[in-house]
């Protein structure tokens, strides 16, 4: 993490922006007091990556889960949750 003074931020904005573009966080100080930290945005995760991060369950557990869902009596009708 890079630390710059508020004065340096004003003078070297392009360099600070370049650091952010490289994925670095930048802490801004004034009079030796931390004012805040600027961080690059979190990288978006694709749907595939999200599914790959899910914990894996055993085939037996998956079969039990499917059986529980079948036995729960759900139907395929879509209902508006705001209407009664």
PDB file of N, CA and C in Angstrom:
ATOM      1  N   UNK A   1       0.849  -1.172   0.000  1.00  0.00           N
ATOM      2  CA  UNK A   1       0.000   0.000   0.000  1.00  0.00           C
ATOM      3  C   UNK A   1       0.893   1.233   0.000  1.00  0.00           C
ATOM      4  N   UNK A   2       0.539   2.190  -0.830  1.00  0.00           N
ATOM      5  CA  UNK A   2       1.277   3.433  -0.944  1.00  0.00           C
ATOM      6  C   UNK A   2       0.623   4.474  -0.045  1.00  0.00           C
ATOM      7  N   UNK A   3       1.442   5.320   0.566  1.00  0.00           N
ATOM      8  CA  UNK A   3       0.927   6.428   1.370  1.00  0.00           C
ATOM      9  C   UNK A   3       1.428   7.729   0.768  1.00  0.00           C
ATOM     10  N   UNK A   4       0.515   8.681   0.557  1.00  0.00           N
ATOM     11  CA  UNK A   4       0.880   9.994   0.039  1.00  0.00           C
ATOM     12  C   UNK A   4       0.201  11.060   0.886  1.00  0.00           C
ATOM     13  N   UNK A   5       0.831  12.223   0.932  1.00  0.00           N
ATOM     14  CA  UNK A   5       0.206  13.348   1.627  1.00  0.00           C
ATOM     15  C   UNK A   5      -0.839  13.964   0.706  1.00  0.00           C
ATOM     16  N   UNK A   6      -1.714  14.747   1.285  1.00  0.00           N
ATOM     17  CA  UNK A   6      -2.733  15.426   0.489  1.00  0.00           C
ATOM     18  C   UNK A   6      -2.077  16.336  -0.542  1.00  0.00           C
ATOM     19  N   UNK A   7      -0.976  16.981  -0.171  1.00  0.00           N
ATOM     20  CA  UNK A   7      -0.247  17.842  -1.104  1.00  0.00           C
ATOM     21  C   UNK A   7       0.313  17.026  -2.261  1.00  0.00           C
ATOM     22  N   UNK A   8       0.930  15.879  -1.946  1.00  0.00           N
ATOM     23  CA  UNK A   8       1.455  15.008  -3.002  1.00  0.00           C
ATOM     24  C   UNK A   8       0.336  14.505  -3.908  1.00  0.00           C
ATOM     25  N   UNK A   9      -0.816  14.225  -3.321  1.00  0.00           N
ATOM     26  CA  UNK A   9      -1.950  13.779  -4.133  1.00  0.00           C
ATOM     27  C   UNK A   9      -2.317  14.851  -5.148  1.00  0.00           C
ATOM     28  N   UNK A  10      -2.346  16.089  -4.699  1.00  0.00           N
ATOM     29  CA  UNK A  10      -2.680  17.190  -5.605  1.00  0.00           C
ATOM     30  C   UNK A  10      -1.622  17.349  -6.691  1.00  0.00           C
ATOM     31  N   UNK A  11      -0.374  17.151  -6.330  1.00  0.00           N
ATOM     32  CA  UNK A  11       0.719  17.353  -7.289  1.00  0.00           C
ATOM     33  C   UNK A  11       0.932  16.159  -8.207  1.00  0.00           C
ATOM     34  N   UNK A  12       0.653  14.959  -7.710  1.00  0.00           N
ATOM     35  CA  UNK A  12       0.981  13.738  -8.463  1.00  0.00           C
ATOM     36  C   UNK A  12      -0.255  12.884  -8.704  1.00  0.00           C
ATOM     37  N   UNK A  13      -1.356  13.505  -9.032  1.00  0.00           N
ATOM     38  CA  UNK A  13      -2.606  12.768  -9.225  1.00  0.00           C
ATOM     39  C   UNK A  13      -2.455  11.649 -10.251  1.00  0.00           C
ATOM     40  N   UNK A  14      -1.778  11.931 -11.357  1.00  0.00           N
ATOM     41  CA  UNK A  14      -1.621  10.898 -12.390  1.00  0.00           C
ATOM     42  C   UNK A  14      -0.871   9.689 -11.874  1.00  0.00           C
ATOM     43  N   UNK A  15       0.166   9.895 -11.049  1.00  0.00           N
ATOM     44  CA  UNK A  15       0.928   8.771 -10.504  1.00  0.00           C
ATOM     45  C   UNK A  15       0.066   7.961  -9.531  1.00  0.00           C
ATOM     46  N   UNK A  16      -0.747   8.662  -8.751  1.00  0.00           N
ATOM     47  CA  UNK A  16      -1.641   7.961  -7.818  1.00  0.00           C
ATOM     48  C   UNK A  16      -2.667   7.143  -8.605  1.00  0.00           C
ATOM     49  N   UNK A  17      -3.203   7.730  -9.661  1.00  0.00           N
ATOM     50  CA  UNK A  17      -4.155   6.991 -10.491  1.00  0.00           C
ATOM     51  C   UNK A  17      -3.500   5.789 -11.157  1.00  0.00           C
ATOM     52  N   UNK A  18      -2.247   5.930 -11.567  1.00  0.00           N
ATOM     53  CA  UNK A  18      -1.518   4.798 -12.147  1.00  0.00           C
ATOM     54  C   UNK A  18      -1.362   3.677 -11.123  1.00  0.00           C
ATOM     55  N   UNK A  19      -1.072   4.046  -9.870  1.00  0.00           N
ATOM     56  CA  UNK A  19      -0.945   3.036  -8.805  1.00  0.00           C
ATOM     57  C   UNK A  19      -2.269   2.307  -8.613  1.00  0.00           C
ATOM     58  N   UNK A  20      -3.368   3.038  -8.626  1.00  0.00           N
ATOM     59  CA  UNK A  20      -4.684   2.412  -8.505  1.00  0.00           C
ATOM     60  C   UNK A  20      -4.943   1.470  -9.676  1.00  0.00           C
ATOM     61  N   UNK A  21      -4.555   1.892 -10.866  1.00  0.00           N
ATOM     62  CA  UNK A  21      -4.750   1.048 -12.053  1.00  0.00           C
ATOM     63  C   UNK A  21      -3.953  -0.239 -11.961  1.00  0.00           C
ATOM     64  N   UNK A  22      -2.824  -0.219 -11.252  1.00  0.00           N
ATOM     65  CA  UNK A  22      -2.016  -1.432 -11.051  1.00  0.00           C
ATOM     66  C   UNK A  22      -2.580  -2.310  -9.938  1.00  0.00           C
ATOM     67  N   UNK A  23      -3.662  -1.852  -9.302  1.00  0.00           N
ATOM     68  CA  UNK A  23      -4.287  -2.646  -8.244  1.00  0.00           C
ATOM     69  C   UNK A  23      -3.825  -2.282  -6.844  1.00  0.00           C
ATOM     70  N   UNK A  24      -3.055  -1.208  -6.700  1.00  0.00           N
ATOM     71  CA  UNK A  24      -2.559  -0.797  -5.387  1.00  0.00           C
ATOM     72  C   UNK A  24      -3.587   0.082  -4.681  1.00  0.00           C
ATOM     73  N   UNK A  25      -3.603   0.009  -3.370  1.00  0.00           N
ATOM     74  CA  UNK A  25      -4.394   0.934  -2.563  1.00  0.00           C
ATOM     75  C   UNK A  25      -3.495   2.098  -2.176  1.00  0.00           C
ATOM     76  N   UNK A  26      -4.085   3.272  -2.035  1.00  0.00           N
ATOM     77  CA  UNK A  26      -3.325   4.472  -1.691  1.00  0.00           C
ATOM     78  C   UNK A  26      -3.962   5.124  -0.473  1.00  0.00           C
ATOM     79  N   UNK A  27      -3.146   5.346   0.559  1.00  0.00           N
ATOM     80  CA  UNK A  27      -3.613   6.013   1.769  1.00  0.00           C
ATOM     81  C   UNK A  27      -3.212   7.485   1.696  1.00  0.00           C
ATOM     82  N   UNK A  28      -4.164   8.350   1.997  1.00  0.00           N
ATOM     83  CA  UNK A  28      -3.945   9.798   1.949  1.00  0.00           C
ATOM     84  C   UNK A  28      -3.817  10.314   3.381  1.00  0.00           C
ATOM     85  N   UNK A  29      -2.749  11.100   3.635  1.00  0.00           N
ATOM     86  CA  UNK A  29      -2.548  11.684   4.960  1.00  0.00           C
ATOM     87  C   UNK A  29      -2.461  13.202   4.859  1.00  0.00           C
ATOM     88  N   UNK A  30      -2.758  13.872   5.966  1.00  0.00           N
ATOM     89  CA  UNK A  30      -2.561  15.309   6.095  1.00  0.00           C
ATOM     90  C   UNK A  30      -2.145  15.564   7.536  1.00  0.00           C
ATOM     91  N   UNK A  31      -1.036  16.270   7.701  1.00  0.00           N
ATOM     92  CA  UNK A  31      -0.499  16.538   9.043  1.00  0.00           C
ATOM     93  C   UNK A  31      -0.318  15.238   9.833  1.00  0.00           C
ATOM     94  N   UNK A  32       0.214  14.215   9.174  1.00  0.00           N
ATOM     95  CA  UNK A  32       0.467  12.903   9.785  1.00  0.00           C
ATOM     96  C   UNK A  32      -0.799  12.207  10.291  1.00  0.00           C
ATOM     97  N   UNK A  33      -1.935  12.617   9.790  1.00  0.00           N
ATOM     98  CA  UNK A  33      -3.207  11.988  10.150  1.00  0.00           C
ATOM     99  C   UNK A  33      -3.778  11.325   8.898  1.00  0.00           C
ATOM    100  N   UNK A  34      -4.175  10.087   9.024  1.00  0.00           N
ATOM    101  CA  UNK A  34      -4.752   9.371   7.881  1.00  0.00           C
ATOM    102  C   UNK A  34      -6.145   9.928   7.612  1.00  0.00           C
ATOM    103  N   UNK A  35      -6.343  10.379   6.379  1.00  0.00           N
ATOM    104  CA  UNK A  35      -7.653  10.882   5.967  1.00  0.00           C
ATOM    105  C   UNK A  35      -8.513   9.774   5.375  1.00  0.00           C
ATOM    106  N   UNK A  36      -7.867   8.846   4.706  1.00  0.00           N
ATOM    107  CA  UNK A  36      -8.621   7.756   4.097  1.00  0.00           C
ATOM    108  C   UNK A  36      -7.754   6.954   3.157  1.00  0.00           C
ATOM    109  N   UNK A  37      -8.336   5.926   2.613  1.00  0.00           N
ATOM    110  CA  UNK A  37      -7.643   5.052   1.679  1.00  0.00           C
ATOM    111  C   UNK A  37      -8.486   4.907   0.431  1.00  0.00           C
ATOM    112  N   UNK A  38      -7.829   5.041  -0.705  1.00  0.00           N
ATOM    113  CA  UNK A  38      -8.485   4.817  -1.990  1.00  0.00           C
ATOM    114  C   UNK A  38      -8.032   3.448  -2.478  1.00  0.00           C
ATOM    115  N   UNK A  39      -9.003   2.619  -2.831  1.00  0.00           N
ATOM    116  CA  UNK A  39      -8.687   1.267  -3.299  1.00  0.00           C
ATOM    117  C   UNK A  39      -9.312   1.039  -4.654  1.00  0.00           C
ATOM    118  N   UNK A  40      -8.663   0.225  -5.473  1.00  0.00           N
ATOM    119  CA  UNK A  40      -9.280  -0.103  -6.763  1.00  0.00           C
ATOM    120  C   UNK A  40     -10.545  -0.925  -6.519  1.00  0.00           C
ATOM    121  N   UNK A  41     -11.473  -0.887  -7.457  1.00  0.00           N
ATOM    122  CA  UNK A  41     -12.709  -1.657  -7.267  1.00  0.00           C
ATOM    123  C   UNK A  41     -12.418  -3.153  -7.279  1.00  0.00           C
ATOM    124  N   UNK A  42     -13.258  -3.878  -6.576  1.00  0.00           N
ATOM    125  CA  UNK A  42     -13.139  -5.338  -6.582  1.00  0.00           C
ATOM    126  C   UNK A  42     -13.456  -5.839  -7.988  1.00  0.00           C
ATOM    127  N   UNK A  43     -12.695  -6.809  -8.430  1.00  0.00           N
ATOM    128  CA  UNK A  43     -12.913  -7.379  -9.758  1.00  0.00           C
ATOM    129  C   UNK A  43     -14.232  -8.140  -9.772  1.00  0.00           C
ATOM    130  N   UNK A  44     -14.991  -7.947 -10.815  1.00  0.00           N
ATOM    131  CA  UNK A  44     -16.255  -8.672 -10.956  1.00  0.00           C
ATOM    132  C   UNK A  44     -15.978 -10.160 -11.112  1.00  0.00           C
ATOM    133  N   UNK A  45     -16.860 -10.955 -10.577  1.00  0.00           N
ATOM    134  CA  UNK A  45     -16.728 -12.409 -10.669  1.00  0.00           C
ATOM    135  C   UNK A  45     -17.730 -12.905 -11.702  1.00  0.00           C
ATOM    136  N   UNK A  46     -17.280 -13.761 -12.597  1.00  0.00           N
ATOM    137  CA  UNK A  46     -18.189 -14.344 -13.576  1.00  0.00           C
ATOM    138  C   UNK A  46     -19.067 -15.387 -12.894  1.00  0.00           C
ATOM    139  N   UNK A  47     -20.166 -15.704 -13.537  1.00  0.00           N
ATOM    140  CA  UNK A  47     -21.061 -16.720 -12.995  1.00  0.00           C
ATOM    141  C   UNK A  47     -20.343 -18.052 -12.865  1.00  0.00           C
ATOM    142  N   UNK A  48     -19.529 -18.391 -13.847  1.00  0.00           N
ATOM    143  CA  UNK A  48     -18.766 -19.640 -13.791  1.00  0.00           C
ATOM    144  C   UNK A  48     -17.851 -19.654 -12.569  1.00  0.00           C
ATOM    145  N   UNK A  49     -17.139 -18.537 -12.320  1.00  0.00           N
ATOM    146  CA  UNK A  49     -16.243 -18.465 -11.158  1.00  0.00           C
ATOM    147  C   UNK A  49     -17.027 -18.599  -9.857  1.00  0.00           C
ATOM    148  N   UNK A  50     -18.198 -17.973  -9.816  1.00  0.00           N
ATOM    149  CA  UNK A  50     -19.021 -18.056  -8.605  1.00  0.00           C
ATOM    150  C   UNK A  50     -19.425 -19.505  -8.331  1.00  0.00           C
ATOM    151  N   UNK A  51     -19.848 -20.209  -9.364  1.00  0.00           N
ATOM    152  CA  UNK A  51     -20.234 -21.608  -9.184  1.00  0.00           C
ATOM    153  C   UNK A  51     -19.039 -22.480  -8.825  1.00  0.00           C
ATOM    154  N   UNK A  52     -17.883 -22.191  -9.407  1.00  0.00           N
ATOM    155  CA  UNK A  52     -16.692 -22.988  -9.094  1.00  0.00           C
ATOM    156  C   UNK A  52     -16.245 -22.799  -7.649  1.00  0.00           C
ATOM    157  N   UNK A  53     -16.601 -21.677  -7.047  1.00  0.00           N
ATOM    158  CA  UNK A  53     -16.229 -21.418  -5.648  1.00  0.00           C
ATOM    159  C   UNK A  53     -17.167 -22.091  -4.651  1.00  0.00           C
ATOM    160  N   UNK A  54     -18.309 -22.546  -5.125  1.00  0.00           N
ATOM    161  CA  UNK A  54     -19.243 -23.206  -4.211  1.00  0.00           C
ATOM    162  C   UNK A  54     -18.625 -24.491  -3.693  1.00  0.00           C
ATOM    163  N   UNK A  55     -18.877 -24.822  -2.444  1.00  0.00           N
ATOM    164  CA  UNK A  55     -18.318 -26.076  -1.921  1.00  0.00           C
ATOM    165  C   UNK A  55     -18.941 -27.278  -2.637  1.00  0.00           C
ATOM    166  N   UNK A  56     -18.150 -28.272  -2.859  1.00  0.00           N
ATOM    167  CA  UNK A  56     -18.622 -29.489  -3.523  1.00  0.00           C
ATOM    168  C   UNK A  56     -19.295 -30.396  -2.492  1.00  0.00           C
ATOM    169  N   UNK A  57     -20.397 -31.004  -2.908  1.00  0.00           N
ATOM    170  CA  UNK A  57     -21.058 -31.955  -2.022  1.00  0.00           C
ATOM    171  C   UNK A  57     -20.969 -33.343  -2.664  1.00  0.00           C
ATOM    172  N   UNK A  58     -21.071 -34.330  -1.841  1.00  0.00           N
ATOM    173  CA  UNK A  58     -20.960 -35.700  -2.345  1.00  0.00           C
ATOM    174  C   UNK A  58     -22.200 -36.053  -3.174  1.00  0.00           C
ATOM    175  N   UNK A  59     -22.040 -37.046  -4.019  1.00  0.00           N
ATOM    176  CA  UNK A  59     -23.174 -37.503  -4.841  1.00  0.00           C
ATOM    177  C   UNK A  59     -24.316 -37.968  -3.937  1.00  0.00           C
ATOM    178  N   UNK A  60     -23.982 -38.639  -2.835  1.00  0.00           N
ATOM    179  CA  UNK A  60     -25.001 -39.132  -1.905  1.00  0.00           C
ATOM    180  C   UNK A  60     -25.773 -37.962  -1.291  1.00  0.00           C
ATOM    181  N   UNK A  61     -25.058 -36.927  -0.886  1.00  0.00           N
ATOM    182  CA  UNK A  61     -25.723 -35.753  -0.301  1.00  0.00           C
ATOM    183  C   UNK A  61     -26.604 -35.068  -1.345  1.00  0.00           C
ATOM    184  N   UNK A  62     -26.139 -35.009  -2.589  1.00  0.00           N
ATOM    185  CA  UNK A  62     -26.927 -34.395  -3.655  1.00  0.00           C
ATOM    186  C   UNK A  62     -28.210 -35.181  -3.901  1.00  0.00           C
ATOM    187  N   UNK A  63     -28.121 -36.498  -3.890  1.00  0.00           N
ATOM    188  CA  UNK A  63     -29.308 -37.333  -4.084  1.00  0.00           C
ATOM    189  C   UNK A  63     -30.306 -37.131  -2.946  1.00  0.00           C
ATOM    190  N   UNK A  64     -29.817 -37.040  -1.704  1.00  0.00           N
ATOM    191  CA  UNK A  64     -30.706 -36.785  -0.568  1.00  0.00           C
ATOM    192  C   UNK A  64     -31.382 -35.421  -0.721  1.00  0.00           C
ATOM    193  N   UNK A  65     -30.639 -34.433  -1.170  1.00  0.00           N
ATOM    194  CA  UNK A  65     -31.182 -33.090  -1.353  1.00  0.00           C
ATOM    195  C   UNK A  65     -32.289 -33.112  -2.417  1.00  0.00           C
ATOM    196  N   UNK A  66     -32.023 -33.767  -3.545  1.00  0.00           N
ATOM    197  CA  UNK A  66     -33.044 -33.846  -4.600  1.00  0.00           C
ATOM    198  C   UNK A  66     -34.297 -34.558  -4.095  1.00  0.00           C
ATOM    199  N   UNK A  67     -34.112 -35.613  -3.325  1.00  0.00           N
ATOM    200  CA  UNK A  67     -35.269 -36.341  -2.787  1.00  0.00           C
ATOM    201  C   UNK A  67     -36.063 -35.460  -1.833  1.00  0.00           C
ATOM    202  N   UNK A  68     -35.359 -34.703  -0.999  1.00  0.00           N
ATOM    203  CA  UNK A  68     -36.050 -33.798  -0.071  1.00  0.00           C
ATOM    204  C   UNK A  68     -36.865 -32.752  -0.816  1.00  0.00           C
ATOM    205  N   UNK A  69     -36.307 -32.205  -1.898  1.00  0.00           N
ATOM    206  CA  UNK A  69     -37.019 -31.209  -2.693  1.00  0.00           C
ATOM    207  C   UNK A  69     -38.249 -31.832  -3.342  1.00  0.00           C
ATOM    208  N   UNK A  70     -38.094 -33.038  -3.894  1.00  0.00           N
ATOM    209  CA  UNK A  70     -39.238 -33.710  -4.524  1.00  0.00           C
ATOM    210  C   UNK A  70     -40.347 -33.962  -3.511  1.00  0.00           C
ATOM    211  N   UNK A  71     -39.976 -34.353  -2.302  1.00  0.00           N
ATOM    212  CA  UNK A  71     -40.952 -34.690  -1.280  1.00  0.00           C
ATOM    213  C   UNK A  71     -41.562 -33.469  -0.602  1.00  0.00           C
ATOM    214  N   UNK A  72     -41.038 -32.279  -0.879  1.00  0.00           N
ATOM    215  CA  UNK A  72     -41.523 -31.081  -0.201  1.00  0.00           C
ATOM    216  C   UNK A  72     -42.841 -30.582  -0.777  1.00  0.00           C
ATOM    217  N   UNK A  73     -43.239 -31.075  -1.938  1.00  0.00           N
ATOM    218  CA  UNK A  73     -44.522 -30.692  -2.504  1.00  0.00           C
ATOM    219  C   UNK A  73     -44.510 -29.358  -3.234  1.00  0.00           C
ATOM    220  N   UNK A  74     -43.352 -28.910  -3.684  1.00  0.00           N
ATOM    221  CA  UNK A  74     -43.295 -27.669  -4.454  1.00  0.00           C
ATOM    222  C   UNK A  74     -43.950 -27.888  -5.809  1.00  0.00           C
ATOM    223  N   UNK A  75     -44.522 -26.803  -6.349  1.00  0.00           N
ATOM    224  CA  UNK A  75     -45.039 -26.886  -7.714  1.00  0.00           C
ATOM    225  C   UNK A  75     -44.291 -25.869  -8.575  1.00  0.00           C
ATOM    226  N   UNK A  76     -44.622 -25.833  -9.849  1.00  0.00           N
ATOM    227  CA  UNK A  76     -43.914 -24.958 -10.780  1.00  0.00           C
ATOM    228  C   UNK A  76     -44.605 -23.614 -10.973  1.00  0.00           C
ATOM    229  N   UNK A  77     -45.667 -23.349 -10.234  1.00  0.00           N
ATOM    230  CA  UNK A  77     -46.397 -22.100 -10.401  1.00  0.00           C
ATOM    231  C   UNK A  77     -45.585 -20.934  -9.835  1.00  0.00           C
ATOM    232  N   UNK A  78     -45.523 -19.857 -10.617  1.00  0.00           N
ATOM    233  CA  UNK A  78     -44.826 -18.647 -10.184  1.00  0.00           C
ATOM    234  C   UNK A  78     -45.866 -17.688  -9.629  1.00  0.00           C
ATOM    235  N   UNK A  79     -45.632 -17.189  -8.428  1.00  0.00           N
ATOM    236  CA  UNK A  79     -46.581 -16.294  -7.772  1.00  0.00           C
ATOM    237  C   UNK A  79     -45.925 -14.951  -7.474  1.00  0.00           C
ATOM    238  N   UNK A  80     -46.709 -13.899  -7.533  1.00  0.00           N
ATOM    239  CA  UNK A  80     -46.237 -12.560  -7.145  1.00  0.00           C
ATOM    240  C   UNK A  80     -46.232 -12.501  -5.621  1.00  0.00           C
ATOM    241  N   UNK A  81     -45.075 -12.321  -4.983  1.00  0.00           N
ATOM    242  CA  UNK A  81     -45.042 -12.340  -3.512  1.00  0.00           C
ATOM    243  C   UNK A  81     -45.756 -11.151  -2.880  1.00  0.00           C
ATOM    244  N   UNK A  82     -46.061 -10.118  -3.672  1.00  0.00           N
ATOM    245  CA  UNK A  82     -46.696  -8.911  -3.122  1.00  0.00           C
ATOM    246  C   UNK A  82     -48.203  -8.968  -3.240  1.00  0.00           C
ATOM    247  N   UNK A  83     -48.730  -9.966  -3.941  1.00  0.00           N
ATOM    248  CA  UNK A  83     -50.172 -10.118  -4.061  1.00  0.00           C
ATOM    249  C   UNK A  83     -50.656 -11.218  -3.134  1.00  0.00           C
ATOM    250  N   UNK A  84     -51.808 -11.011  -2.578  1.00  0.00           N
ATOM    251  CA  UNK A  84     -52.388 -12.029  -1.690  1.00  0.00           C
ATOM    252  C   UNK A  84     -53.590 -12.661  -2.306  1.00  0.00           C
TER     253      UNK A  84
END
